Amino acid sequence: MQTIAGDLPGFEEAIRVLFAHDRAGLEMALLSWPVDVRNHALRLAFDDSSGHADG
């Protein structure tokens, strides 16, 4: 995630909730990110290719 989103707003909060295994918190932290980056980060974090957070 750092490579693709390290400079995006909320990155540090996203890392905190990621390590807490808090998917809902991570989705909230990623709301301001571009959709493609957000979805890729969620797939990396949770191996989810369903596109759950696209919106």
N, C-alpha and C. Protein backbone atom coordinates (compact mmCIF):
# COMPACT_ATOMS: atom_id res chain seq x y z
N MET A 1 0.82 -1.19 0.00
CA MET A 1 0.00 0.00 0.00
C MET A 1 0.86 1.25 0.00
N GLN A 2 1.98 1.18 0.65
CA GLN A 2 2.81 2.37 0.72
C GLN A 2 3.26 2.82 -0.67
N THR A 3 3.55 1.87 -1.53
CA THR A 3 4.02 2.20 -2.87
C THR A 3 2.95 2.92 -3.68
N ILE A 4 1.70 2.46 -3.59
CA ILE A 4 0.66 3.06 -4.42
C ILE A 4 -0.09 4.20 -3.75
N ALA A 5 0.02 4.30 -2.41
CA ALA A 5 -0.82 5.28 -1.72
C ALA A 5 -0.12 6.01 -0.58
N GLY A 6 1.15 5.88 -0.46
CA GLY A 6 1.88 6.47 0.65
C GLY A 6 1.73 7.96 0.82
N ASP A 7 1.42 8.67 -0.27
CA ASP A 7 1.26 10.13 -0.22
C ASP A 7 -0.20 10.57 -0.16
N LEU A 8 -1.12 9.63 -0.15
CA LEU A 8 -2.53 9.99 -0.15
C LEU A 8 -3.01 10.38 1.25
N PRO A 9 -4.03 11.24 1.32
CA PRO A 9 -4.56 11.63 2.63
C PRO A 9 -5.12 10.42 3.36
N GLY A 10 -4.86 10.36 4.65
CA GLY A 10 -5.37 9.27 5.47
C GLY A 10 -4.54 8.01 5.45
N PHE A 11 -3.38 8.04 4.79
CA PHE A 11 -2.56 6.83 4.67
C PHE A 11 -2.18 6.27 6.04
N GLU A 12 -1.72 7.13 6.94
CA GLU A 12 -1.29 6.64 8.26
C GLU A 12 -2.44 6.01 9.02
N GLU A 13 -3.62 6.61 8.97
CA GLU A 13 -4.80 6.04 9.62
C GLU A 13 -5.16 4.71 8.97
N ALA A 14 -5.06 4.64 7.66
CA ALA A 14 -5.36 3.40 6.95
C ALA A 14 -4.44 2.27 7.41
N ILE A 15 -3.18 2.56 7.60
CA ILE A 15 -2.24 1.55 8.07
C ILE A 15 -2.59 1.10 9.48
N ARG A 16 -2.98 2.04 10.34
CA ARG A 16 -3.36 1.67 11.71
C ARG A 16 -4.55 0.72 11.73
N VAL A 17 -5.58 1.03 10.97
CA VAL A 17 -6.76 0.16 10.98
C VAL A 17 -6.50 -1.14 10.24
N LEU A 18 -5.61 -1.11 9.24
CA LEU A 18 -5.23 -2.34 8.56
C LEU A 18 -4.60 -3.32 9.54
N PHE A 19 -3.66 -2.83 10.33
CA PHE A 19 -3.00 -3.72 11.30
C PHE A 19 -3.93 -4.15 12.42
N ALA A 20 -5.03 -3.43 12.62
CA ALA A 20 -6.04 -3.84 13.59
C ALA A 20 -7.05 -4.81 12.97
N HIS A 21 -6.85 -5.15 11.69
CA HIS A 21 -7.75 -6.05 10.96
C HIS A 21 -9.19 -5.53 10.98
N ASP A 22 -9.32 -4.23 10.84
CA ASP A 22 -10.62 -3.56 10.89
C ASP A 22 -11.01 -3.15 9.47
N ARG A 23 -11.69 -4.04 8.76
CA ARG A 23 -12.04 -3.76 7.37
C ARG A 23 -12.94 -2.54 7.26
N ALA A 24 -13.96 -2.43 8.11
CA ALA A 24 -14.86 -1.29 8.05
C ALA A 24 -14.09 0.01 8.28
N GLY A 25 -13.19 0.01 9.25
CA GLY A 25 -12.37 1.19 9.51
C GLY A 25 -11.46 1.52 8.34
N LEU A 26 -10.93 0.49 7.70
CA LEU A 26 -10.07 0.72 6.54
C LEU A 26 -10.88 1.31 5.39
N GLU A 27 -12.07 0.77 5.16
CA GLU A 27 -12.91 1.32 4.10
C GLU A 27 -13.22 2.79 4.35
N MET A 28 -13.47 3.15 5.60
CA MET A 28 -13.73 4.55 5.94
C MET A 28 -12.48 5.41 5.70
N ALA A 29 -11.33 4.89 6.09
CA ALA A 29 -10.08 5.65 5.93
C ALA A 29 -9.74 5.87 4.45
N LEU A 30 -10.22 4.99 3.58
CA LEU A 30 -9.88 5.07 2.16
C LEU A 30 -10.90 5.84 1.33
N LEU A 31 -11.94 6.36 1.93
CA LEU A 31 -13.00 7.01 1.17
C LEU A 31 -12.52 8.14 0.27
N SER A 32 -11.51 8.87 0.68
CA SER A 32 -11.05 9.99 -0.14
C SER A 32 -10.05 9.57 -1.22
N TRP A 33 -9.70 8.30 -1.25
CA TRP A 33 -8.75 7.82 -2.25
C TRP A 33 -9.46 7.55 -3.56
N PRO A 34 -8.73 7.62 -4.68
CA PRO A 34 -9.33 7.25 -5.96
C PRO A 34 -9.86 5.81 -5.89
N VAL A 35 -11.00 5.56 -6.54
CA VAL A 35 -11.67 4.26 -6.44
C VAL A 35 -10.75 3.11 -6.82
N ASP A 36 -9.99 3.25 -7.91
CA ASP A 36 -9.13 2.14 -8.33
C ASP A 36 -8.04 1.85 -7.30
N VAL A 37 -7.48 2.87 -6.70
CA VAL A 37 -6.45 2.68 -5.68
C VAL A 37 -7.08 2.07 -4.43
N ARG A 38 -8.24 2.57 -4.04
CA ARG A 38 -8.97 2.05 -2.87
C ARG A 38 -9.27 0.56 -3.04
N ASN A 39 -9.82 0.19 -4.19
CA ASN A 39 -10.17 -1.21 -4.42
C ASN A 39 -8.94 -2.10 -4.44
N HIS A 40 -7.86 -1.62 -5.05
CA HIS A 40 -6.62 -2.41 -5.08
C HIS A 40 -6.07 -2.59 -3.67
N ALA A 41 -6.09 -1.54 -2.88
CA ALA A 41 -5.60 -1.63 -1.50
C ALA A 41 -6.43 -2.63 -0.70
N LEU A 42 -7.74 -2.61 -0.87
CA LEU A 42 -8.60 -3.57 -0.17
C LEU A 42 -8.33 -4.99 -0.63
N ARG A 43 -8.07 -5.18 -1.92
CA ARG A 43 -7.74 -6.53 -2.40
C ARG A 43 -6.41 -6.99 -1.80
N LEU A 44 -5.45 -6.09 -1.74
CA LEU A 44 -4.17 -6.46 -1.14
C LEU A 44 -4.34 -6.81 0.34
N ALA A 45 -5.16 -6.04 1.03
CA ALA A 45 -5.32 -6.21 2.47
C ALA A 45 -6.16 -7.42 2.83
N PHE A 46 -7.21 -7.67 2.04
CA PHE A 46 -8.17 -8.71 2.43
C PHE A 46 -8.38 -9.76 1.35
N ASP A 47 -7.55 -9.73 0.29
CA ASP A 47 -7.66 -10.71 -0.78
C ASP A 47 -9.09 -10.79 -1.28
N ASP A 48 -9.68 -9.63 -1.50
CA ASP A 48 -11.09 -9.55 -1.90
C ASP A 48 -11.17 -8.97 -3.30
N SER A 49 -11.52 -9.79 -4.26
CA SER A 49 -11.64 -9.30 -5.62
C SER A 49 -13.09 -9.01 -6.00
N SER A 50 -13.96 -8.97 -5.00
CA SER A 50 -15.39 -8.75 -5.28
C SER A 50 -15.70 -7.30 -5.57
N GLY A 51 -14.76 -6.38 -5.30
CA GLY A 51 -15.03 -4.97 -5.54
C GLY A 51 -15.99 -4.39 -4.52
N HIS A 52 -16.01 -4.93 -3.31
CA HIS A 52 -16.95 -4.55 -2.26
C HIS A 52 -16.99 -3.04 -2.04
N ALA A 53 -15.86 -2.38 -2.11
CA ALA A 53 -15.81 -0.97 -1.73
C ALA A 53 -15.91 -0.02 -2.92
N ASP A 54 -16.28 -0.50 -4.08
CA ASP A 54 -16.35 0.43 -5.20
C ASP A 54 -17.62 1.26 -5.09
N GLY A 55 -17.44 2.57 -5.15
CA GLY A 55 -18.63 3.35 -5.01
C GLY A 55 -18.47 4.78 -5.15
